[in-house]
Amino acid sequence: MIFGETYTLSNGVTIPKLGLGTWFIPDEAAAGAVREAVKIGYRHIDTAQAYENERGMGEGIRTCGLAREEMFVTTKLAAEIKNYEEAVKVIDDSLEKMGLDYIDLMLIHSPQPWADFRGGDYAEGNREAWRALEDAYKAGKLRTIGVSNFKEQDLENILASCTVAPMVNQLLVHIGNTPAALIKYCEEKNILVEAYSPVAHGEIMRHPEVAVMAEKYGVTIPQLCIRYDLQLGTLPLPKTANPEHMRDNAALDFEISEQDMAILKTMQPLKDYGEFSVFPVFSGK
């Protein structure tokens, strides 16, 4: 069962191979979603300052009935924060909002502020934000640290001056969007790639070739997509507040053949992400 499987990060900390994404889950519904997920078997919850649901997520962790060390909690430093002092403050704010003594993983959410995604040069600001994460890590507030949406040059900028290397890079990875060169680069640097939106925010459900492949394996399209990300060696983070979907998303006891993986890796990119195309990460940049 997938819930018992873990990856080991570069500092030796283990992380469950499947996580629950929580973007668009309102704060007032977050605690209930976490408790339902834990009942089903999830032990890894992914949130962010930008999701505005950290309070509810923390409540869910504290009231789920498990010891804190049995849960793995990720949050993300807001993309707009590109200086040391502000980063230090909001790291502490996340701990306070969640009501936790430590956070298992904290990521810089993006190398650029969302309003300038893939735009200007924020190299110095990213180094400053990273220094704040390093200090919180050394202080025991964060068990692991990483980044999100970072390309090779963004990672090189951090690696050139860091005292603690990023352990994770969370990226948009799904059938029709497989950044193979970047995934390989991360592997070479011992950086685990986490895959957000493994079902392409639902848009992959309309893809006829993917539907045929899912039918071949007797699984749902989301199950095929999540299994695909696992077989790439990435850590999928399917998002849902629906317990039935949580359960289905974890039913992954099948294997995609090498031949079919090769077909899926070269699947034509999605032309758009429907209503979600307005968000920078789905803009194609």
Protein backbone atom coordinates (compact mmCIF):
# COMPACT_ATOMS: atom_id res chain seq x y z
CA MET A 1 0.00 0.00 0.00
CA ILE A 2 1.37 3.40 -0.99
CA PHE A 3 0.78 4.87 2.48
CA GLY A 4 3.60 2.78 3.93
CA GLU A 5 6.14 3.91 1.32
CA THR A 6 8.62 6.75 1.75
CA TYR A 7 11.47 8.57 0.05
CA THR A 8 14.59 9.52 2.02
CA LEU A 9 15.70 13.13 1.62
CA SER A 10 19.35 14.20 1.43
CA ASN A 11 19.56 14.85 5.19
CA GLY A 12 18.13 11.42 6.05
CA VAL A 13 14.57 12.52 6.86
CA THR A 14 11.91 10.24 5.38
CA ILE A 15 8.88 11.67 3.57
CA PRO A 16 5.71 9.75 2.59
CA LYS A 17 5.59 9.04 -1.16
CA LEU A 18 2.04 10.39 -1.53
CA GLY A 19 0.84 13.72 -0.15
CA LEU A 20 -2.48 15.54 0.02
CA GLY A 21 -2.52 18.85 -1.85
CA THR A 22 -4.73 21.52 -0.27
CA TRP A 23 -4.83 24.45 -2.70
CA PHE A 24 -8.39 25.86 -2.86
CA ILE A 25 -9.49 24.10 0.33
CA PRO A 26 -10.95 26.94 2.46
CA ASP A 27 -9.51 27.48 5.92
CA GLU A 28 -12.81 26.59 7.59
CA ALA A 29 -12.90 23.21 5.77
CA ALA A 30 -9.20 22.43 6.17
CA ALA A 31 -9.22 20.74 9.58
CA GLY A 32 -12.00 18.36 8.55
CA ALA A 33 -10.20 17.52 5.30
CA VAL A 34 -7.01 16.67 7.19
CA ARG A 35 -8.86 14.46 9.68
CA GLU A 36 -10.62 12.58 6.85
CA ALA A 37 -7.33 12.13 5.01
CA VAL A 38 -5.65 10.75 8.12
CA LYS A 39 -8.50 8.23 8.63
CA ILE A 40 -7.90 6.99 5.06
CA GLY A 41 -4.16 6.66 5.63
CA TYR A 42 -2.53 9.92 4.49
CA ARG A 43 0.40 11.06 6.60
CA HIS A 44 1.66 13.90 4.39
CA ILE A 45 -0.19 17.23 4.06
CA ASP A 46 0.94 20.05 1.75
CA THR A 47 -0.18 23.65 2.25
CA ALA A 48 1.23 27.18 1.70
CA GLN A 49 1.01 30.67 3.11
CA ALA A 50 -0.65 31.68 -0.16
CA TYR A 51 -3.46 29.11 0.30
CA GLU A 52 -4.68 30.99 3.39
CA ASN A 53 -5.59 27.73 5.13
CA GLU A 54 -2.59 27.15 7.41
CA ARG A 55 -4.66 27.73 10.55
CA GLY A 56 -7.17 25.04 9.60
CA MET A 57 -4.47 22.65 8.43
CA GLY A 58 -2.67 23.01 11.75
CA GLU A 59 -5.89 22.38 13.63
CA GLY A 60 -6.43 19.24 11.58
CA ILE A 61 -2.91 17.99 12.37
CA ARG A 62 -3.34 18.68 16.09
CA THR A 63 -6.76 17.00 16.30
CA CYS A 64 -6.32 14.04 13.92
CA GLY A 65 -5.61 11.58 16.73
CA LEU A 66 -2.03 10.80 15.72
CA ALA A 67 1.21 11.81 17.41
CA ARG A 68 2.77 14.85 15.74
CA GLU A 69 5.82 12.86 14.60
CA GLU A 70 3.57 10.52 12.61
CA MET A 71 2.56 13.38 10.30
CA PHE A 72 4.63 15.17 7.64
CA VAL A 73 3.56 18.79 7.13
CA THR A 74 4.73 21.05 4.30
CA THR A 75 4.12 24.75 3.86
CA LYS A 76 5.60 27.37 1.56
CA LEU A 77 7.12 30.80 2.00
CA ALA A 78 5.07 33.33 0.02
CA ALA A 79 6.53 33.98 -3.43
CA GLU A 80 6.57 37.75 -2.83
CA ILE A 81 9.00 37.55 0.10
CA LYS A 82 12.52 38.16 -1.15
CA ASN A 83 14.35 39.53 1.90
CA TYR A 84 15.79 37.90 5.01
CA GLU A 85 13.99 39.84 7.76
CA GLU A 86 10.51 39.40 6.32
CA ALA A 87 11.17 35.72 5.62
CA VAL A 88 12.25 35.14 9.24
CA LYS A 89 9.03 36.78 10.45
CA VAL A 90 6.64 34.81 8.24
CA ILE A 91 8.31 31.48 9.02
CA ASP A 92 7.44 32.16 12.66
CA ASP A 93 3.98 33.33 11.59
CA SER A 94 3.34 29.97 9.88
CA LEU A 95 4.38 28.07 13.02
CA GLU A 96 2.10 30.25 15.12
CA LYS A 97 -0.89 29.99 12.75
CA MET A 98 -0.58 26.22 12.55
CA GLY A 99 0.01 25.86 16.28
CA LEU A 100 2.98 23.57 15.67
CA ASP A 101 6.41 23.41 17.29
CA TYR A 102 8.07 22.58 13.97
CA ILE A 103 7.25 22.21 10.28
CA ASP A 104 8.56 19.16 8.42
CA LEU A 105 9.27 20.93 5.12
CA MET A 106 9.20 24.57 4.05
CA LEU A 107 9.66 25.66 0.45
CA ILE A 108 10.22 28.97 -1.30
CA HIS A 109 6.98 28.96 -3.31
CA SER A 110 8.41 30.51 -6.47
CA PRO A 111 11.66 32.08 -7.67
CA GLN A 112 9.67 35.17 -8.70
CA PRO A 113 6.66 36.92 -7.16
CA TRP A 114 3.47 35.65 -8.85
CA ALA A 115 2.87 39.03 -10.51
CA ASP A 116 6.21 38.66 -12.32
CA PHE A 117 6.38 34.86 -12.71
CA ARG A 118 9.30 33.87 -14.99
CA GLY A 119 10.06 37.58 -15.28
CA GLY A 120 12.76 39.68 -13.58
CA ASP A 121 15.93 38.84 -11.70
CA TYR A 122 15.31 37.91 -8.06
CA ALA A 123 18.56 36.02 -7.51
CA GLU A 124 19.65 38.08 -4.51
CA GLY A 125 16.18 37.99 -2.96
CA ASN A 126 16.05 34.21 -3.30
CA ARG A 127 19.43 33.90 -1.60
CA GLU A 128 18.14 36.07 1.26
CA ALA A 129 14.93 34.05 1.62
CA TRP A 130 16.98 30.84 1.50
CA ARG A 131 19.26 32.10 4.29
CA ALA A 132 16.18 32.57 6.48
CA LEU A 133 15.10 28.99 5.75
CA GLU A 134 18.60 27.73 6.55
CA ASP A 135 18.59 29.54 9.89
CA ALA A 136 15.15 28.18 10.79
CA TYR A 137 16.34 24.70 9.79
CA LYS A 138 19.45 25.00 11.98
CA ALA A 139 17.25 26.25 14.85
CA GLY A 140 15.04 23.14 14.62
CA LYS A 141 11.94 25.01 13.45
CA LEU A 142 12.06 23.24 10.05
CA ARG A 143 13.11 19.60 9.59
CA THR A 144 13.78 19.98 5.86
CA ILE A 145 13.86 22.87 3.38
CA GLY A 146 13.43 23.25 -0.35
CA VAL A 147 12.01 25.23 -3.23
CA SER A 148 9.14 25.17 -5.70
CA ASN A 149 8.89 26.11 -9.38
CA PHE A 150 12.68 26.57 -9.53
CA LYS A 151 14.41 26.00 -12.85
CA GLU A 152 18.08 24.99 -13.18
CA GLN A 153 19.43 28.55 -13.09
CA ASP A 154 17.34 29.31 -9.99
CA LEU A 155 18.73 26.23 -8.24
CA GLU A 156 22.29 27.06 -9.30
CA ASN A 157 21.89 30.47 -7.69
CA ILE A 158 21.02 28.86 -4.34
CA LEU A 159 23.58 26.04 -4.60
CA ALA A 160 26.41 28.50 -5.29
CA SER A 161 26.19 30.12 -1.86
CA CYS A 162 24.11 27.93 0.46
CA THR A 163 25.26 26.18 3.62
CA VAL A 164 22.33 23.72 3.36
CA ALA A 165 21.34 22.49 -0.11
CA PRO A 166 17.67 22.32 -1.14
CA MET A 167 16.23 18.88 -0.44
CA VAL A 168 13.05 19.26 -2.53
CA ASN A 169 11.89 21.07 -5.68
CA GLN A 170 8.11 21.02 -6.12
CA LEU A 171 7.14 21.30 -9.79
CA LEU A 172 4.18 21.04 -12.14
CA VAL A 173 4.58 17.46 -13.39
CA HIS A 174 1.82 15.51 -15.12
CA ILE A 175 1.15 13.56 -18.29
CA GLY A 176 1.57 16.15 -21.03
CA ASN A 177 3.95 18.23 -18.91
CA THR A 178 7.04 16.24 -18.00
CA PRO A 179 10.12 18.48 -17.52
CA ALA A 180 12.50 15.55 -18.00
CA ALA A 181 15.76 17.55 -18.12
CA LEU A 182 14.90 19.44 -14.92
CA ILE A 183 13.86 16.23 -13.13
CA LYS A 184 17.16 14.62 -14.16
CA TYR A 185 19.12 17.67 -12.98
CA CYS A 186 17.38 17.50 -9.59
CA GLU A 187 18.12 13.79 -9.28
CA GLU A 188 21.80 14.46 -9.97
CA LYS A 189 21.81 17.09 -7.20
CA ASN A 190 20.00 14.73 -4.78
CA ILE A 191 16.93 16.98 -4.78
CA LEU A 192 13.58 15.15 -4.64
CA VAL A 193 11.00 16.39 -7.13
CA GLU A 194 7.47 16.70 -5.80
CA ALA A 195 4.72 16.79 -8.43
CA TYR A 196 1.86 19.21 -7.86
CA SER A 197 -1.33 19.09 -9.94
CA PRO A 198 -0.66 15.50 -11.12
CA VAL A 199 -4.11 15.48 -12.75
CA ALA A 200 -3.46 18.87 -14.42
CA HIS A 201 -6.11 20.49 -12.26
CA GLY A 202 -8.66 18.14 -13.80
CA GLU A 203 -8.01 19.15 -17.40
CA ILE A 204 -6.35 15.80 -18.21
CA MET A 205 -9.77 14.16 -17.71
CA ARG A 206 -10.69 15.43 -21.18
CA HIS A 207 -7.67 13.80 -22.85
CA PRO A 208 -8.91 10.86 -25.00
CA GLU A 209 -5.54 9.05 -25.25
CA VAL A 210 -5.09 9.16 -21.48
CA ALA A 211 -8.62 7.82 -21.03
CA VAL A 212 -7.82 4.87 -23.33
CA MET A 213 -4.63 4.11 -21.40
CA ALA A 214 -6.48 4.25 -18.04
CA GLU A 215 -9.10 1.86 -19.39
CA LYS A 216 -6.35 -0.54 -20.49
CA TYR A 217 -5.15 -0.80 -16.88
CA GLY A 218 -8.66 -0.86 -15.41
CA VAL A 219 -8.03 2.31 -13.39
CA THR A 220 -9.33 5.87 -13.31
CA ILE A 221 -7.57 8.70 -15.13
CA PRO A 222 -6.41 10.26 -11.81
CA GLN A 223 -5.00 6.90 -10.67
CA LEU A 224 -3.06 6.55 -13.94
CA CYS A 225 -1.74 10.13 -13.63
CA ILE A 226 -0.63 9.71 -10.02
CA ARG A 227 0.98 6.35 -10.74
CA TYR A 228 2.80 7.96 -13.68
CA ASP A 229 4.35 10.59 -11.41
CA LEU A 230 5.40 7.91 -8.91
CA GLN A 231 7.12 5.90 -11.63
CA LEU A 232 9.01 9.03 -12.69
CA GLY A 233 10.51 8.95 -9.19
CA THR A 234 8.58 12.05 -8.13
CA LEU A 235 6.23 12.58 -5.18
CA PRO A 236 2.65 13.33 -6.31
CA LEU A 237 0.41 15.74 -4.39
CA PRO A 238 -3.15 15.25 -5.65
CA LYS A 239 -5.50 17.90 -4.28
CA THR A 240 -8.97 17.09 -2.99
CA ALA A 241 -11.21 17.63 0.02
CA ASN A 242 -13.46 14.73 -1.04
CA PRO A 243 -12.81 11.57 1.05
CA GLU A 244 -13.92 9.30 -1.79
CA HIS A 245 -11.39 10.92 -4.13
CA MET A 246 -8.71 10.75 -1.42
CA ARG A 247 -9.29 7.01 -1.20
CA ASP A 248 -9.34 6.48 -4.97
CA ASN A 249 -6.18 8.57 -5.45
CA ALA A 250 -4.30 6.21 -3.15
CA ALA A 251 -5.40 2.99 -4.90
CA LEU A 252 -2.18 2.65 -6.86
CA ASP A 253 -1.34 -1.05 -6.65
CA PHE A 254 -0.61 -1.45 -10.36
CA GLU A 255 2.36 -0.73 -12.58
CA ILE A 256 2.52 1.07 -15.91
CA SER A 257 4.71 -0.83 -18.39
CA GLU A 258 7.94 0.72 -19.66
CA GLN A 259 6.45 0.93 -23.14
CA ASP A 260 3.38 2.80 -21.91
CA MET A 261 5.50 5.09 -19.71
CA ALA A 262 7.47 6.04 -22.83
CA ILE A 263 4.20 6.87 -24.64
CA LEU A 264 2.94 8.94 -21.70
CA LYS A 265 6.24 10.84 -21.42
CA THR A 266 5.88 12.07 -24.99
CA MET A 267 2.15 12.82 -24.81
CA GLN A 268 1.24 16.11 -26.45
CA PRO A 269 1.17 19.03 -23.98
CA LEU A 270 -2.19 20.33 -22.88
CA LYS A 271 -3.21 23.34 -24.93
CA ASP A 272 -4.69 25.05 -21.90
CA TYR A 273 -5.81 24.47 -18.32
CA GLY A 274 -9.32 25.81 -18.76
CA GLU A 275 -10.36 28.30 -16.10
CA PHE A 276 -7.07 27.69 -14.26
CA SER A 277 -5.00 29.08 -17.16
CA VAL A 278 -5.17 32.48 -15.44
CA PHE A 279 -2.81 31.23 -12.71
CA PRO A 280 0.90 31.86 -13.42
CA VAL A 281 2.01 28.24 -12.96
CA PHE A 282 -0.42 27.13 -15.70
CA SER A 283 0.50 29.96 -18.08
CA GLY A 284 3.01 27.90 -20.06
CA LYS A 285 5.98 30.03 -18.96
